[in-house]
Amino acid sequence: MKIDQISDSVYAVAGTNVNWALVSDGSGVTVIDAGYPSDSADVIASVRQIGHQLTDIAAVLITHAHLDHIGGVPALVERVGMPVYTGEEEVRHAKREYLQQMTPVGMVKQLATQRGRRWVAHTLPAIFGHIRMTLPMAATGHADTLAALPGGLVAIPTPGHTSGHTAYLMPSEGVLFSGDALVTGHPLSPCTGPQILPSVFNHDETRTHDTALRLATQPARILVPGHGLPTSFDATRVAEALAEQR
C-alpha cells in the first residue's frame, strides 16, 4: 500500500494493482472504492494513517461493483456500519441482480502473454474465496446526499465499463475520481497516460470510449483513476490520447 496526498483534502491509495481514495475534511472521511478483498486490511489501515478513526467514515462511494473496487467494503461496514452509495443502475449490479465481470474464460485467455500471466498471478490470490461477493447494503447516491459528505462530491454517470459505472467530481479542489472509466495504466496495458482499459474488461467498448471522451470535458485539474498513477488533468491531452487508442 502506498498513500499520496494529491490535494488539500484528497489522498490516493495504491493497493493490489488498483487504487482507492480518501477525502478528508478534518472531521470526517469519504472513502471512494475499496480495493480487492485482499486489500481490506490496507483499506482500514489507510484511514488510520491519514489521522482518522474508522468511525470518522461518513460513507463509502463505489464507482462500480467489480471485485477489485468493492473488496474492502464488507470489512468497513462490519466495523462501522456506514452507508455505501453508487449509481442507481450500479446498485443492481452491486446486489448481483446481474453480473458484468470478466469471465473465467477471459481470465484464462490472459495466460497467453507474460503481462497476462503476471496479472493473473496477482489477481487470483486477491479474490480467492470472494468470487460471489455482493453488496446488499448498496444504495443510490443522490445529489444532495453526496453534496453533504466530506468533499462535497458530484456523481457523473459514466456507463460503458459497467452499465452503471459512476465517476465522482470534487468541485472545490478540482479532483476527478474516474474509477475505471478513464485510467492511466494497467498491468495488461503497455501504455501509461490517459486511456480506457483493455477491451476484455469493458462491458460495452464503444460506450466506454465515448464516456471517457465526455469525462475530458469535466472542470478538473487532477485525475485520480482506478488504475495507474494520479495525474494532472488536461482535457486536450486526454482527448488526444483516446483518439490514438481508438
Protein backbone atom coordinates (compact mmCIF):
# COMPACT_ATOMS: atom_id res chain seq x y z
CA MET A 1 0.00 0.00 0.00
CA LYS A 2 1.20 3.49 -0.89
CA ILE A 3 -0.56 6.71 0.14
CA ASP A 4 -0.05 10.03 -1.65
CA GLN A 5 -1.72 13.31 -0.71
CA ILE A 6 -2.65 14.83 -4.05
CA SER A 7 -4.61 17.90 -2.91
CA ASP A 8 -5.52 19.61 0.36
CA SER A 9 -8.20 17.04 1.19
CA VAL A 10 -7.57 14.06 -1.08
CA TYR A 11 -5.35 11.02 -0.59
CA ALA A 12 -4.84 8.47 -3.35
CA VAL A 13 -4.01 4.97 -2.15
CA ALA A 14 -2.41 2.28 -4.34
CA GLY A 15 -3.25 -1.29 -3.39
CA THR A 16 -3.03 -4.55 -5.32
CA ASN A 17 -2.95 -3.19 -8.89
CA VAL A 18 -5.88 -0.93 -8.03
CA ASN A 19 -6.48 2.40 -6.31
CA TRP A 20 -8.92 3.78 -3.79
CA ALA A 21 -9.17 7.31 -2.45
CA LEU A 22 -9.85 9.06 0.83
CA VAL A 23 -11.38 12.53 1.09
CA SER A 24 -10.92 14.19 4.48
CA ASP A 25 -12.48 17.42 5.67
CA GLY A 26 -10.81 17.24 9.07
CA SER A 27 -13.77 15.77 10.91
CA GLY A 28 -14.88 13.06 8.53
CA VAL A 29 -13.81 10.87 5.64
CA THR A 30 -15.40 9.74 2.40
CA VAL A 31 -13.90 6.52 1.03
CA ILE A 32 -14.05 6.13 -2.75
CA ASP A 33 -13.75 2.48 -3.82
CA ALA A 34 -12.16 -0.15 -1.60
CA GLY A 35 -9.71 -2.38 -3.45
CA TYR A 36 -9.69 -6.16 -3.72
CA PRO A 37 -10.90 -8.40 -0.89
CA SER A 38 -7.24 -8.99 -0.02
CA ASP A 39 -6.81 -5.20 0.39
CA SER A 40 -9.35 -5.00 3.22
CA ALA A 41 -6.77 -4.61 6.00
CA ASP A 42 -4.95 -1.95 4.00
CA VAL A 43 -8.16 -0.01 3.35
CA ILE A 44 -8.73 0.09 7.10
CA ALA A 45 -5.09 1.00 7.77
CA SER A 46 -5.14 3.78 5.19
CA VAL A 47 -7.94 5.60 7.01
CA ARG A 48 -5.96 5.47 10.23
CA GLN A 49 -2.73 6.51 8.54
CA ILE A 50 -4.22 9.82 7.43
CA GLY A 51 -5.13 10.57 11.03
CA HIS A 52 -8.72 9.33 11.29
CA GLN A 53 -10.60 6.69 13.20
CA LEU A 54 -12.84 4.27 11.33
CA THR A 55 -15.83 5.90 12.99
CA ASP A 56 -14.96 9.08 11.08
CA ILE A 57 -16.00 7.44 7.81
CA ALA A 58 -19.19 9.14 6.66
CA ALA A 59 -19.78 6.88 3.64
CA VAL A 60 -18.18 4.67 1.04
CA LEU A 61 -18.74 5.61 -2.60
CA ILE A 62 -18.34 2.92 -5.22
CA THR A 63 -17.57 3.74 -8.85
CA HIS A 64 -18.65 0.25 -9.88
CA ALA A 65 -19.14 -3.20 -8.42
CA HIS A 66 -16.17 -5.16 -9.74
CA LEU A 67 -14.34 -7.17 -7.10
CA ASP A 68 -11.22 -5.00 -7.27
CA HIS A 69 -13.28 -1.96 -6.22
CA ILE A 70 -15.65 -3.37 -3.61
CA GLY A 71 -13.38 -5.84 -1.81
CA GLY A 72 -12.85 -3.86 1.38
CA VAL A 73 -16.45 -2.70 1.76
CA PRO A 74 -17.77 -5.60 3.89
CA ALA A 75 -14.94 -5.19 6.40
CA LEU A 76 -15.65 -1.47 6.72
CA VAL A 77 -19.40 -1.95 7.05
CA GLU A 78 -18.89 -4.67 9.67
CA ARG A 79 -16.82 -2.31 11.81
CA VAL A 80 -18.61 0.99 11.24
CA GLY A 81 -21.93 0.42 9.52
CA MET A 82 -21.61 3.47 7.27
CA PRO A 83 -23.78 3.81 4.14
CA VAL A 84 -22.49 2.59 0.78
CA TYR A 85 -23.52 4.59 -2.27
CA THR A 86 -23.15 4.13 -6.01
CA GLY A 87 -25.03 4.99 -9.19
CA GLU A 88 -28.68 3.99 -9.45
CA GLU A 89 -28.10 1.27 -12.06
CA GLU A 90 -24.91 0.07 -10.38
CA VAL A 91 -26.89 -0.69 -7.22
CA ARG A 92 -28.45 -3.58 -9.14
CA HIS A 93 -25.00 -4.77 -10.19
CA ALA A 94 -23.67 -4.46 -6.64
CA LYS A 95 -26.54 -6.63 -5.41
CA ARG A 96 -25.77 -9.10 -8.21
CA GLU A 97 -29.13 -8.88 -9.88
CA TYR A 98 -26.84 -9.34 -12.87
CA LEU A 99 -23.07 -9.64 -13.31
CA GLN A 100 -20.78 -7.72 -15.66
CA GLN A 101 -17.41 -9.12 -14.70
CA MET A 102 -14.59 -10.74 -16.65
CA THR A 103 -15.45 -14.39 -17.17
CA PRO A 104 -13.20 -17.29 -16.16
CA VAL A 105 -12.62 -17.90 -19.87
CA GLY A 106 -11.50 -14.31 -20.28
CA MET A 107 -9.04 -14.74 -17.43
CA VAL A 108 -7.64 -17.96 -18.86
CA LYS A 109 -7.01 -16.18 -22.17
CA GLN A 110 -4.72 -13.73 -20.37
CA LEU A 111 -2.29 -16.59 -19.70
CA ALA A 112 -1.15 -16.34 -23.33
CA THR A 113 1.11 -13.35 -22.57
CA GLN A 114 3.72 -12.58 -19.93
CA ARG A 115 1.80 -9.50 -18.83
CA GLY A 116 -1.33 -11.57 -18.55
CA ARG A 117 0.29 -14.33 -16.55
CA ARG A 118 1.70 -11.78 -14.10
CA TRP A 119 -1.70 -10.11 -13.74
CA VAL A 120 -3.49 -13.43 -13.18
CA ALA A 121 -0.89 -14.41 -10.57
CA HIS A 122 -1.66 -11.22 -8.62
CA THR A 123 -5.41 -11.34 -9.13
CA LEU A 124 -6.33 -14.89 -8.16
CA PRO A 125 -5.00 -14.63 -4.56
CA ALA A 126 -6.62 -11.20 -4.24
CA ILE A 127 -10.11 -12.55 -4.95
CA PHE A 128 -9.79 -16.10 -3.60
CA GLY A 129 -12.87 -17.11 -1.64
CA HIS A 130 -14.79 -13.96 -2.57
CA ILE A 131 -15.98 -14.59 -6.12
CA ARG A 132 -19.63 -14.40 -5.03
CA MET A 133 -19.26 -11.19 -3.00
CA THR A 134 -22.28 -8.90 -3.10
CA LEU A 135 -23.14 -5.56 -1.52
CA PRO A 136 -26.72 -5.92 -0.28
CA MET A 137 -26.40 -2.61 1.56
CA ALA A 138 -25.65 -0.59 -1.60
CA ALA A 139 -27.93 2.39 -2.20
CA THR A 140 -28.24 5.16 -4.76
CA GLY A 141 -26.12 8.20 -4.01
CA HIS A 142 -28.48 11.08 -4.65
CA ALA A 143 -27.09 14.55 -5.36
CA ASP A 144 -27.99 16.12 -2.02
CA THR A 145 -26.59 13.12 -0.12
CA LEU A 146 -23.22 13.27 -1.90
CA ALA A 147 -23.00 17.04 -1.56
CA ALA A 148 -23.30 16.72 2.23
CA LEU A 149 -20.40 14.22 2.51
CA PRO A 150 -16.78 15.22 3.19
CA GLY A 151 -15.56 16.58 -0.14
CA GLY A 152 -18.96 17.72 -1.38
CA LEU A 153 -18.92 15.28 -4.28
CA VAL A 154 -20.89 15.24 -7.52
CA ALA A 155 -21.80 11.96 -9.27
CA ILE A 156 -21.12 11.70 -13.01
CA PRO A 157 -22.79 8.79 -14.83
CA THR A 158 -20.05 7.04 -16.84
CA PRO A 159 -21.57 3.90 -18.38
CA GLY A 160 -19.58 1.51 -20.53
CA HIS A 161 -17.08 -0.29 -18.34
CA THR A 162 -20.22 -1.39 -16.49
CA SER A 163 -23.73 -0.20 -17.27
CA GLY A 164 -23.99 1.79 -14.05
CA HIS A 165 -20.39 2.98 -13.63
CA THR A 166 -20.21 6.34 -11.84
CA ALA A 167 -17.32 8.78 -11.55
CA TYR A 168 -17.17 11.49 -8.88
CA LEU A 169 -16.05 15.10 -9.10
CA MET A 170 -14.89 17.19 -6.16
CA PRO A 171 -15.50 20.71 -7.49
CA SER A 172 -13.89 22.54 -4.58
CA GLU A 173 -10.43 21.10 -5.37
CA GLY A 174 -10.91 20.10 -8.99
CA VAL A 175 -10.36 16.38 -8.40
CA LEU A 176 -11.96 13.80 -10.68
CA PHE A 177 -12.26 10.23 -9.37
CA SER A 178 -12.73 8.33 -12.61
CA GLY A 179 -12.77 4.72 -11.43
CA ASP A 180 -12.32 2.51 -14.49
CA ALA A 181 -14.00 4.86 -16.95
CA LEU A 182 -10.64 6.55 -17.54
CA VAL A 183 -7.34 5.19 -16.24
CA THR A 184 -3.64 5.97 -16.64
CA GLY A 185 -2.25 2.43 -16.65
CA HIS A 186 -2.92 -1.24 -16.03
CA PRO A 187 -0.74 -4.37 -15.82
CA LEU A 188 -2.27 -5.62 -19.10
CA SER A 189 -1.60 -2.36 -20.92
CA PRO A 190 1.84 -1.50 -22.36
CA CYS A 191 0.99 2.22 -22.22
CA THR A 192 0.86 4.84 -19.49
CA GLY A 193 -1.19 8.01 -19.55
CA PRO A 194 -4.93 8.59 -20.12
CA GLN A 195 -6.61 5.53 -21.65
CA ILE A 196 -9.51 3.14 -21.34
CA LEU A 197 -8.91 -0.34 -20.00
CA PRO A 198 -8.25 -3.26 -22.37
CA SER A 199 -11.46 -4.40 -24.03
CA VAL A 200 -11.65 -7.65 -22.07
CA PHE A 201 -12.67 -5.61 -19.01
CA ASN A 202 -15.32 -3.41 -20.64
CA HIS A 203 -18.96 -4.43 -20.88
CA ASP A 204 -19.50 -2.02 -23.81
CA GLU A 205 -16.28 -0.96 -25.50
CA THR A 206 -17.75 1.79 -27.69
CA ARG A 207 -19.68 3.31 -24.83
CA THR A 208 -16.60 3.15 -22.61
CA HIS A 209 -14.61 5.15 -25.15
CA ASP A 210 -17.36 7.73 -25.66
CA THR A 211 -17.78 8.14 -21.91
CA ALA A 212 -14.04 8.71 -21.45
CA LEU A 213 -14.18 11.47 -24.07
CA ARG A 214 -17.04 13.13 -22.20
CA LEU A 215 -15.05 12.94 -18.98
CA ALA A 216 -12.38 15.03 -20.71
CA THR A 217 -14.79 17.98 -20.58
CA GLN A 218 -15.09 17.94 -16.79
CA PRO A 219 -13.79 21.00 -14.88
CA ALA A 220 -11.00 19.12 -13.12
CA ARG A 221 -7.30 19.71 -12.58
CA ILE A 222 -6.33 16.36 -11.03
CA LEU A 223 -7.31 12.87 -12.16
CA VAL A 224 -7.44 10.01 -9.64
CA PRO A 225 -8.06 6.84 -11.68
CA GLY A 226 -8.96 3.35 -10.55
CA HIS A 227 -5.75 2.04 -12.13
CA GLY A 228 -2.49 3.84 -12.79
CA LEU A 229 -1.00 6.94 -11.24
CA PRO A 230 -2.91 10.12 -10.36
CA THR A 231 -2.01 12.88 -12.78
CA SER A 232 -2.74 16.45 -13.73
CA PHE A 233 -5.91 16.66 -15.79
CA ASP A 234 -5.62 18.19 -19.24
CA ALA A 235 -8.68 17.83 -21.46
CA THR A 236 -6.72 18.17 -24.70
CA ARG A 237 -4.19 15.56 -23.64
CA VAL A 238 -6.95 13.15 -22.64
CA ALA A 239 -8.80 13.59 -25.93
CA GLU A 240 -5.64 13.14 -27.98
CA ALA A 241 -4.63 10.02 -26.08
CA LEU A 242 -8.07 8.47 -26.51
CA ALA A 243 -8.10 9.28 -30.22
CA GLU A 244 -4.83 7.38 -30.60
CA GLN A 245 -6.25 4.41 -28.71
CA ARG A 246 -9.39 4.08 -30.83
